Amino acid sequence: MAVEEATGMGSLFEELEVREAAARVRLEELPAAVVELTLRLVKVREDLSRLEITRETVAQVLAELSAPKAEEDAVAEDAHADRPDIPGAR
């Protein structure tokens, strides 16, 4: 029985060594993974920033393009307000 226990303990220690070696490998790989994820995070943040700026610029351009039309419509309404013979005049 003592031989079986010694053999069992020997394989237990061997298994622990295998697990320790695997943990060391993972430990060595993680810093590189952190660097890769950090670079990806920076790129995604830059992409998001560009998209936000693009959206804001498009909204501004559309507002500027529609502002003169709105002003023209308001002026036209004012000009026709006192002319009952023109359709749409008040």
PDB file of N, CA and C in Angstrom:
ATOM      1  N   MET A   1       0.819  -1.190   0.000  1.00  0.00           N
ATOM      2  CA  MET A   1       0.000   0.000   0.000  1.00  0.00           C
ATOM      3  C   MET A   1       0.861   1.250   0.000  1.00  0.00           C
ATOM      4  N   ALA A   2       2.018   1.208   0.631  1.00  0.00           N
ATOM      5  CA  ALA A   2       2.905   2.360   0.702  1.00  0.00           C
ATOM      6  C   ALA A   2       3.447   2.702  -0.671  1.00  0.00           C
ATOM      7  N   VAL A   3       3.675   1.695  -1.507  1.00  0.00           N
ATOM      8  CA  VAL A   3       4.174   1.943  -2.861  1.00  0.00           C
ATOM      9  C   VAL A   3       3.113   2.654  -3.690  1.00  0.00           C
ATOM     10  N   GLU A   4       1.857   2.234  -3.564  1.00  0.00           N
ATOM     11  CA  GLU A   4       0.776   2.879  -4.298  1.00  0.00           C
ATOM     12  C   GLU A   4       0.613   4.327  -3.873  1.00  0.00           C
ATOM     13  N   GLU A   5       0.720   4.599  -2.553  1.00  0.00           N
ATOM     14  CA  GLU A   5       0.598   5.965  -2.070  1.00  0.00           C
ATOM     15  C   GLU A   5       1.739   6.815  -2.592  1.00  0.00           C
ATOM     16  N   ALA A   6       2.935   6.296  -2.630  1.00  0.00           N
ATOM     17  CA  ALA A   6       4.097   7.040  -3.125  1.00  0.00           C
ATOM     18  C   ALA A   6       3.935   7.319  -4.612  1.00  0.00           C
ATOM     19  N   THR A   7       3.449   6.359  -5.338  1.00  0.00           N
ATOM     20  CA  THR A   7       3.231   6.543  -6.765  1.00  0.00           C
ATOM     21  C   THR A   7       2.139   7.575  -6.990  1.00  0.00           C
ATOM     22  N   GLY A   8       1.083   7.496  -6.198  1.00  0.00           N
ATOM     23  CA  GLY A   8      -0.003   8.462  -6.295  1.00  0.00           C
ATOM     24  C   GLY A   8       0.487   9.868  -5.984  1.00  0.00           C
ATOM     25  N   MET A   9       1.314  10.014  -4.989  1.00  0.00           N
ATOM     26  CA  MET A   9       1.853  11.321  -4.628  1.00  0.00           C
ATOM     27  C   MET A   9       2.780  11.824  -5.721  1.00  0.00           C
ATOM     28  N   GLY A  10       3.558  10.877  -6.302  1.00  0.00           N
ATOM     29  CA  GLY A  10       4.469  11.271  -7.378  1.00  0.00           C
ATOM     30  C   GLY A  10       3.691  11.827  -8.558  1.00  0.00           C
ATOM     31  N   SER A  11       2.618  11.208  -8.954  1.00  0.00           N
ATOM     32  CA  SER A  11       1.839  11.695 -10.086  1.00  0.00           C
ATOM     33  C   SER A  11       1.113  12.989  -9.719  1.00  0.00           C
ATOM     34  N   LEU A  12       0.787  13.150  -8.432  1.00  0.00           N
ATOM     35  CA  LEU A  12       0.164  14.391  -7.989  1.00  0.00           C
ATOM     36  C   LEU A  12       1.141  15.553  -8.153  1.00  0.00           C
ATOM     37  N   PHE A  13       2.381  15.339  -7.733  1.00  0.00           N
ATOM     38  CA  PHE A  13       3.389  16.390  -7.885  1.00  0.00           C
ATOM     39  C   PHE A  13       3.706  16.662  -9.357  1.00  0.00           C
ATOM     40  N   GLU A  14       3.714  15.617 -10.151  1.00  0.00           N
ATOM     41  CA  GLU A  14       3.924  15.814 -11.592  1.00  0.00           C
ATOM     42  C   GLU A  14       2.790  16.648 -12.186  1.00  0.00           C
ATOM     43  N   GLU A  15       1.561  16.365 -11.782  1.00  0.00           N
ATOM     44  CA  GLU A  15       0.410  17.135 -12.261  1.00  0.00           C
ATOM     45  C   GLU A  15       0.514  18.590 -11.814  1.00  0.00           C
ATOM     46  N   LEU A  16       0.943  18.811 -10.588  1.00  0.00           N
ATOM     47  CA  LEU A  16       1.139  20.180 -10.114  1.00  0.00           C
ATOM     48  C   LEU A  16       2.196  20.905 -10.937  1.00  0.00           C
ATOM     49  N   GLU A  17       3.272  20.222 -11.275  1.00  0.00           N
ATOM     50  CA  GLU A  17       4.327  20.830 -12.099  1.00  0.00           C
ATOM     51  C   GLU A  17       3.801  21.190 -13.482  1.00  0.00           C
ATOM     52  N   VAL A  18       2.981  20.321 -14.052  1.00  0.00           N
ATOM     53  CA  VAL A  18       2.389  20.590 -15.364  1.00  0.00           C
ATOM     54  C   VAL A  18       1.489  21.825 -15.279  1.00  0.00           C
ATOM     55  N   ARG A  19       0.696  21.888 -14.237  1.00  0.00           N
ATOM     56  CA  ARG A  19      -0.210  23.034 -14.072  1.00  0.00           C
ATOM     57  C   ARG A  19       0.557  24.323 -13.813  1.00  0.00           C
ATOM     58  N   GLU A  20       1.632  24.252 -13.044  1.00  0.00           N
ATOM     59  CA  GLU A  20       2.466  25.428 -12.792  1.00  0.00           C
ATOM     60  C   GLU A  20       3.097  25.924 -14.092  1.00  0.00           C
ATOM     61  N   ALA A  21       3.587  25.010 -14.891  1.00  0.00           N
ATOM     62  CA  ALA A  21       4.207  25.383 -16.170  1.00  0.00           C
ATOM     63  C   ALA A  21       3.182  26.051 -17.078  1.00  0.00           C
ATOM     64  N   ALA A  22       1.968  25.516 -17.103  1.00  0.00           N
ATOM     65  CA  ALA A  22       0.915  26.104 -17.931  1.00  0.00           C
ATOM     66  C   ALA A  22       0.561  27.502 -17.420  1.00  0.00           C
ATOM     67  N   ALA A  23       0.513  27.670 -16.106  1.00  0.00           N
ATOM     68  CA  ALA A  23       0.212  28.983 -15.526  1.00  0.00           C
ATOM     69  C   ALA A  23       1.312  29.983 -15.861  1.00  0.00           C
ATOM     70  N   ARG A  24       2.555  29.554 -15.835  1.00  0.00           N
ATOM     71  CA  ARG A  24       3.675  30.439 -16.200  1.00  0.00           C
ATOM     72  C   ARG A  24       3.576  30.881 -17.658  1.00  0.00           C
ATOM     73  N   VAL A  25       3.203  29.957 -18.523  1.00  0.00           N
ATOM     74  CA  VAL A  25       3.047  30.301 -19.941  1.00  0.00           C
ATOM     75  C   VAL A  25       1.949  31.340 -20.103  1.00  0.00           C
ATOM     76  N   ARG A  26       0.807  31.125 -19.450  1.00  0.00           N
ATOM     77  CA  ARG A  26      -0.293  32.097 -19.524  1.00  0.00           C
ATOM     78  C   ARG A  26       0.147  33.449 -18.970  1.00  0.00           C
ATOM     79  N   LEU A  27       0.908  33.414 -17.879  1.00  0.00           N
ATOM     80  CA  LEU A  27       1.401  34.638 -17.255  1.00  0.00           C
ATOM     81  C   LEU A  27       2.306  35.410 -18.206  1.00  0.00           C
ATOM     82  N   GLU A  28       3.103  34.714 -18.975  1.00  0.00           N
ATOM     83  CA  GLU A  28       3.994  35.360 -19.942  1.00  0.00           C
ATOM     84  C   GLU A  28       3.220  35.907 -21.145  1.00  0.00           C
ATOM     85  N   GLU A  29       2.122  35.267 -21.505  1.00  0.00           N
ATOM     86  CA  GLU A  29       1.336  35.690 -22.667  1.00  0.00           C
ATOM     87  C   GLU A  29       0.426  36.883 -22.367  1.00  0.00           C
ATOM     88  N   LEU A  30      -0.011  37.027 -21.139  1.00  0.00           N
ATOM     89  CA  LEU A  30      -0.985  38.064 -20.801  1.00  0.00           C
ATOM     90  C   LEU A  30      -0.508  39.500 -21.054  1.00  0.00           C
ATOM     91  N   PRO A  31       0.720  39.872 -20.717  1.00  0.00           N
ATOM     92  CA  PRO A  31       1.124  41.252 -21.013  1.00  0.00           C
ATOM     93  C   PRO A  31       1.023  41.597 -22.505  1.00  0.00           C
ATOM     94  N   ALA A  32       1.362  40.675 -23.371  1.00  0.00           N
ATOM     95  CA  ALA A  32       1.223  40.922 -24.808  1.00  0.00           C
ATOM     96  C   ALA A  32      -0.247  41.082 -25.188  1.00  0.00           C
ATOM     97  N   ALA A  33      -1.109  40.296 -24.569  1.00  0.00           N
ATOM     98  CA  ALA A  33      -2.546  40.413 -24.841  1.00  0.00           C
ATOM     99  C   ALA A  33      -3.073  41.759 -24.352  1.00  0.00           C
ATOM    100  N   VAL A  34      -2.567  42.231 -23.216  1.00  0.00           N
ATOM    101  CA  VAL A  34      -2.987  43.532 -22.697  1.00  0.00           C
ATOM    102  C   VAL A  34      -2.565  44.639 -23.659  1.00  0.00           C
ATOM    103  N   VAL A  35      -1.357  44.553 -24.178  1.00  0.00           N
ATOM    104  CA  VAL A  35      -0.878  45.546 -25.145  1.00  0.00           C
ATOM    105  C   VAL A  35      -1.760  45.535 -26.393  1.00  0.00           C
ATOM    106  N   GLU A  36      -2.068  44.348 -26.891  1.00  0.00           N
ATOM    107  CA  GLU A  36      -2.919  44.238 -28.080  1.00  0.00           C
ATOM    108  C   GLU A  36      -4.302  44.831 -27.820  1.00  0.00           C
ATOM    109  N   LEU A  37      -4.889  44.511 -26.692  1.00  0.00           N
ATOM    110  CA  LEU A  37      -6.219  45.050 -26.364  1.00  0.00           C
ATOM    111  C   LEU A  37      -6.172  46.565 -26.183  1.00  0.00           C
ATOM    112  N   THR A  38      -5.101  47.069 -25.604  1.00  0.00           N
ATOM    113  CA  THR A  38      -4.957  48.511 -25.427  1.00  0.00           C
ATOM    114  C   THR A  38      -4.895  49.208 -26.781  1.00  0.00           C
ATOM    115  N   LEU A  39      -4.140  48.648 -27.708  1.00  0.00           N
ATOM    116  CA  LEU A  39      -4.060  49.223 -29.060  1.00  0.00           C
ATOM    117  C   LEU A  39      -5.419  49.187 -29.751  1.00  0.00           C
ATOM    118  N   ARG A  40      -6.142  48.088 -29.600  1.00  0.00           N
ATOM    119  CA  ARG A  40      -7.481  47.993 -30.190  1.00  0.00           C
ATOM    120  C   ARG A  40      -8.416  49.020 -29.578  1.00  0.00           C
ATOM    121  N   LEU A  41      -8.315  49.209 -28.269  1.00  0.00           N
ATOM    122  CA  LEU A  41      -9.155  50.183 -27.573  1.00  0.00           C
ATOM    123  C   LEU A  41      -8.878  51.598 -28.077  1.00  0.00           C
ATOM    124  N   VAL A  42      -7.610  51.935 -28.256  1.00  0.00           N
ATOM    125  CA  VAL A  42      -7.246  53.258 -28.777  1.00  0.00           C
ATOM    126  C   VAL A  42      -7.831  53.453 -30.165  1.00  0.00           C
ATOM    127  N   LYS A  43      -7.730  52.435 -31.022  1.00  0.00           N
ATOM    128  CA  LYS A  43      -8.253  52.549 -32.388  1.00  0.00           C
ATOM    129  C   LYS A  43      -9.768  52.726 -32.390  1.00  0.00           C
ATOM    130  N   VAL A  44     -10.462  51.967 -31.568  1.00  0.00           N
ATOM    131  CA  VAL A  44     -11.925  52.070 -31.514  1.00  0.00           C
ATOM    132  C   VAL A  44     -12.339  53.447 -30.995  1.00  0.00           C
ATOM    133  N   ARG A  45     -11.619  53.964 -30.011  1.00  0.00           N
ATOM    134  CA  ARG A  45     -11.921  55.313 -29.509  1.00  0.00           C
ATOM    135  C   ARG A  45     -11.708  56.358 -30.600  1.00  0.00           C
ATOM    136  N   GLU A  46     -10.625  56.220 -31.368  1.00  0.00           N
ATOM    137  CA  GLU A  46     -10.371  57.154 -32.472  1.00  0.00           C
ATOM    138  C   GLU A  46     -11.467  57.059 -33.528  1.00  0.00           C
ATOM    139  N   ASP A  47     -11.861  55.845 -33.869  1.00  0.00           N
ATOM    140  CA  ASP A  47     -12.934  55.655 -34.853  1.00  0.00           C
ATOM    141  C   ASP A  47     -14.232  56.312 -34.377  1.00  0.00           C
ATOM    142  N   LEU A  48     -14.561  56.104 -33.110  1.00  0.00           N
ATOM    143  CA  LEU A  48     -15.777  56.695 -32.549  1.00  0.00           C
ATOM    144  C   LEU A  48     -15.698  58.213 -32.581  1.00  0.00           C
ATOM    145  N   SER A  49     -14.555  58.762 -32.243  1.00  0.00           N
ATOM    146  CA  SER A  49     -14.385  60.209 -32.257  1.00  0.00           C
ATOM    147  C   SER A  49     -14.580  60.762 -33.664  1.00  0.00           C
ATOM    148  N   ARG A  50     -14.002  60.084 -34.653  1.00  0.00           N
ATOM    149  CA  ARG A  50     -14.171  60.535 -36.048  1.00  0.00           C
ATOM    150  C   ARG A  50     -15.636  60.493 -36.463  1.00  0.00           C
ATOM    151  N   LEU A  51     -16.331  59.443 -36.092  1.00  0.00           N
ATOM    152  CA  LEU A  51     -17.748  59.326 -36.438  1.00  0.00           C
ATOM    153  C   LEU A  51     -18.577  60.409 -35.767  1.00  0.00           C
ATOM    154  N   GLU A  52     -18.270  60.714 -34.506  1.00  0.00           N
ATOM    155  CA  GLU A  52     -19.006  61.773 -33.804  1.00  0.00           C
ATOM    156  C   GLU A  52     -18.770  63.125 -34.465  1.00  0.00           C
ATOM    157  N   ILE A  53     -17.514  63.395 -34.827  1.00  0.00           N
ATOM    158  CA  ILE A  53     -17.198  64.661 -35.494  1.00  0.00           C
ATOM    159  C   ILE A  53     -17.897  64.736 -36.845  1.00  0.00           C
ATOM    160  N   THR A  54     -17.902  63.633 -37.587  1.00  0.00           N
ATOM    161  CA  THR A  54     -18.576  63.597 -38.884  1.00  0.00           C
ATOM    162  C   THR A  54     -20.066  63.875 -38.727  1.00  0.00           C
ATOM    163  N   ARG A  55     -20.698  63.222 -37.747  1.00  0.00           N
ATOM    164  CA  ARG A  55     -22.130  63.444 -37.507  1.00  0.00           C
ATOM    165  C   ARG A  55     -22.407  64.900 -37.168  1.00  0.00           C
ATOM    166  N   GLU A  56     -21.597  65.486 -36.304  1.00  0.00           N
ATOM    167  CA  GLU A  56     -21.779  66.887 -35.925  1.00  0.00           C
ATOM    168  C   GLU A  56     -21.598  67.819 -37.128  1.00  0.00           C
ATOM    169  N   THR A  57     -20.596  67.522 -37.958  1.00  0.00           N
ATOM    170  CA  THR A  57     -20.347  68.344 -39.139  1.00  0.00           C
ATOM    171  C   THR A  57     -21.498  68.248 -40.128  1.00  0.00           C
ATOM    172  N   VAL A  58     -21.994  67.052 -40.362  1.00  0.00           N
ATOM    173  CA  VAL A  58     -23.125  66.864 -41.276  1.00  0.00           C
ATOM    174  C   VAL A  58     -24.356  67.594 -40.747  1.00  0.00           C
ATOM    175  N   ALA A  59     -24.608  67.484 -39.462  1.00  0.00           N
ATOM    176  CA  ALA A  59     -25.761  68.179 -38.872  1.00  0.00           C
ATOM    177  C   ALA A  59     -25.617  69.691 -39.030  1.00  0.00           C
ATOM    178  N   GLN A  60     -24.411  70.196 -38.834  1.00  0.00           N
ATOM    179  CA  GLN A  60     -24.167  71.632 -38.980  1.00  0.00           C
ATOM    180  C   GLN A  60     -24.369  72.078 -40.425  1.00  0.00           C
ATOM    181  N   VAL A  61     -23.828  71.318 -41.369  1.00  0.00           N
ATOM    182  CA  VAL A  61     -23.975  71.668 -42.785  1.00  0.00           C
ATOM    183  C   VAL A  61     -25.447  71.638 -43.183  1.00  0.00           C
ATOM    184  N   LEU A  62     -26.168  70.607 -42.765  1.00  0.00           N
ATOM    185  CA  LEU A  62     -27.594  70.527 -43.097  1.00  0.00           C
ATOM    186  C   LEU A  62     -28.366  71.695 -42.489  1.00  0.00           C
ATOM    187  N   ALA A  63     -28.024  72.068 -41.273  1.00  0.00           N
ATOM    188  CA  ALA A  63     -28.695  73.203 -40.636  1.00  0.00           C
ATOM    189  C   ALA A  63     -28.404  74.493 -41.395  1.00  0.00           C
ATOM    190  N   GLU A  64     -27.164  74.651 -41.827  1.00  0.00           N
ATOM    191  CA  GLU A  64     -26.803  75.857 -42.579  1.00  0.00           C
ATOM    192  C   GLU A  64     -27.482  75.887 -43.945  1.00  0.00           C
ATOM    193  N   LEU A  65     -27.607  74.720 -44.572  1.00  0.00           N
ATOM    194  CA  LEU A  65     -28.256  74.668 -45.887  1.00  0.00           C
ATOM    195  C   LEU A  65     -29.757  74.921 -45.783  1.00  0.00           C
ATOM    196  N   SER A  66     -30.369  74.464 -44.707  1.00  0.00           N
ATOM    197  CA  SER A  66     -31.807  74.644 -44.571  1.00  0.00           C
ATOM    198  C   SER A  66     -32.152  76.021 -43.995  1.00  0.00           C
ATOM    199  N   ALA A  67     -31.220  76.688 -43.347  1.00  0.00           N
ATOM    200  CA  ALA A  67     -31.490  78.008 -42.763  1.00  0.00           C
ATOM    201  C   ALA A  67     -31.853  79.037 -43.825  1.00  0.00           C
ATOM    202  N   PRO A  68     -31.109  79.172 -44.929  1.00  0.00           N
ATOM    203  CA  PRO A  68     -31.501  80.149 -45.944  1.00  0.00           C
ATOM    204  C   PRO A  68     -32.875  79.846 -46.534  1.00  0.00           C
ATOM    205  N   LYS A  69     -33.206  78.575 -46.743  1.00  0.00           N
ATOM    206  CA  LYS A  69     -34.510  78.209 -47.279  1.00  0.00           C
ATOM    207  C   LYS A  69     -35.610  78.620 -46.313  1.00  0.00           C
ATOM    208  N   ALA A  70     -35.392  78.378 -45.024  1.00  0.00           N
ATOM    209  CA  ALA A  70     -36.383  78.756 -44.019  1.00  0.00           C
ATOM    210  C   ALA A  70     -36.546  80.269 -43.986  1.00  0.00           C
ATOM    211  N   GLU A  71     -35.437  80.982 -44.119  1.00  0.00           N
ATOM    212  CA  GLU A  71     -35.509  82.451 -44.147  1.00  0.00           C
ATOM    213  C   GLU A  71     -36.256  82.929 -45.387  1.00  0.00           C
ATOM    214  N   GLU A  72     -35.981  82.300 -46.539  1.00  0.00           N
ATOM    215  CA  GLU A  72     -36.674  82.667 -47.783  1.00  0.00           C
ATOM    216  C   GLU A  72     -38.176  82.429 -47.653  1.00  0.00           C
ATOM    217  N   ASP A  73     -38.549  81.303 -47.072  1.00  0.00           N
ATOM    218  CA  ASP A  73     -39.967  80.988 -46.885  1.00  0.00           C
ATOM    219  C   ASP A  73     -40.626  82.009 -45.962  1.00  0.00           C
ATOM    220  N   ALA A  74     -39.934  82.397 -44.910  1.00  0.00           N
ATOM    221  CA  ALA A  74     -40.492  83.376 -43.972  1.00  0.00           C
ATOM    222  C   ALA A  74     -40.666  84.728 -44.645  1.00  0.00           C
ATOM    223  N   VAL A  75     -39.683  85.124 -45.451  1.00  0.00           N
ATOM    224  CA  VAL A  75     -39.775  86.398 -46.167  1.00  0.00           C
ATOM    225  C   VAL A  75     -40.921  86.341 -47.164  1.00  0.00           C
ATOM    226  N   ALA A  76     -41.067  85.237 -47.871  1.00  0.00           N
ATOM    227  CA  ALA A  76     -42.142  85.090 -48.848  1.00  0.00           C
ATOM    228  C   ALA A  76     -43.496  85.145 -48.161  1.00  0.00           C
ATOM    229  N   GLU A  77     -43.626  84.514 -47.004  1.00  0.00           N
ATOM    230  CA  GLU A  77     -44.886  84.561 -46.261  1.00  0.00           C
ATOM    231  C   GLU A  77     -45.208  85.987 -45.836  1.00  0.00           C
ATOM    232  N   ASP A  78     -44.210  86.690 -45.356  1.00  0.00           N
ATOM    233  CA  ASP A  78     -44.421  88.079 -44.944  1.00  0.00           C
ATOM    234  C   ASP A  78     -44.823  88.946 -46.133  1.00  0.00           C
ATOM    235  N   ALA A  79     -44.211  88.703 -47.276  1.00  0.00           N
ATOM    236  CA  ALA A  79     -44.504  89.506 -48.462  1.00  0.00           C
ATOM    237  C   ALA A  79     -45.921  89.252 -48.955  1.00  0.00           C
ATOM    238  N   HIS A  80     -46.405  88.038 -48.783  1.00  0.00           N
ATOM    239  CA  HIS A  80     -47.738  87.685 -49.266  1.00  0.00           C
ATOM    240  C   HIS A  80     -48.819  87.871 -48.208  1.00  0.00           C
ATOM    241  N   ALA A  81     -48.443  88.189 -47.006  1.00  0.00           N
ATOM    242  CA  ALA A  81     -49.404  88.272 -45.909  1.00  0.00           C
ATOM    243  C   ALA A  81     -50.463  89.335 -46.149  1.00  0.00           C
ATOM    244  N   ASP A  82     -50.100  90.420 -46.800  1.00  0.00           N
ATOM    245  CA  ASP A  82     -51.064  91.495 -47.021  1.00  0.00           C
ATOM    246  C   ASP A  82     -51.685  91.437 -48.421  1.00  0.00           C
ATOM    247  N   ARG A  83     -51.501  90.335 -49.121  1.00  0.00           N
ATOM    248  CA  ARG A  83     -52.038  90.200 -50.488  1.00  0.00           C
ATOM    249  C   ARG A  83     -53.062  89.083 -50.521  1.00  0.00           C
ATOM    250  N   PRO A  84     -54.311  89.340 -50.317  1.00  0.00           N
ATOM    251  CA  PRO A  84     -55.341  88.298 -50.315  1.00  0.00           C
ATOM    252  C   PRO A  84     -55.553  87.655 -51.666  1.00  0.00           C
ATOM    253  N   ASP A  85     -55.071  88.282 -52.746  1.00  0.00           N
ATOM    254  CA  ASP A  85     -55.256  87.692 -54.068  1.00  0.00           C
ATOM    255  C   ASP A  85     -54.262  86.593 -54.380  1.00  0.00           C
ATOM    256  N   ILE A  86     -53.246  86.370 -53.513  1.00  0.00           N
ATOM    257  CA  ILE A  86     -52.242  85.332 -53.724  1.00  0.00           C
ATOM    258  C   ILE A  86     -52.605  84.137 -52.845  1.00  0.00           C
ATOM    259  N   PRO A  87     -52.686  82.928 -53.463  1.00  0.00           N
ATOM    260  CA  PRO A  87     -53.005  81.731 -52.674  1.00  0.00           C
ATOM    261  C   PRO A  87     -51.982  81.545 -51.542  1.00  0.00           C
ATOM    262  N   GLY A  88     -52.474  81.227 -50.408  1.00  0.00           N
ATOM    263  CA  GLY A  88     -51.593  80.995 -49.253  1.00  0.00           C
ATOM    264  C   GLY A  88     -51.376  82.264 -48.461  1.00  0.00           C
ATOM    265  N   ALA A  89     -51.831  83.400 -48.973  1.00  0.00           N
ATOM    266  CA  ALA A  89     -51.667  84.638 -48.229  1.00  0.00           C
ATOM    267  C   ALA A  89     -52.741  84.732 -47.161  1.00  0.00           C
ATOM    268  N   ARG A  90     -52.436  85.404 -46.101  1.00  0.00           N
ATOM    269  CA  ARG A  90     -53.393  85.519 -44.982  1.00  0.00           C
ATOM    270  C   ARG A  90     -54.203  86.754 -45.085  1.00  0.00           C
TER     271      ARG A  90
END
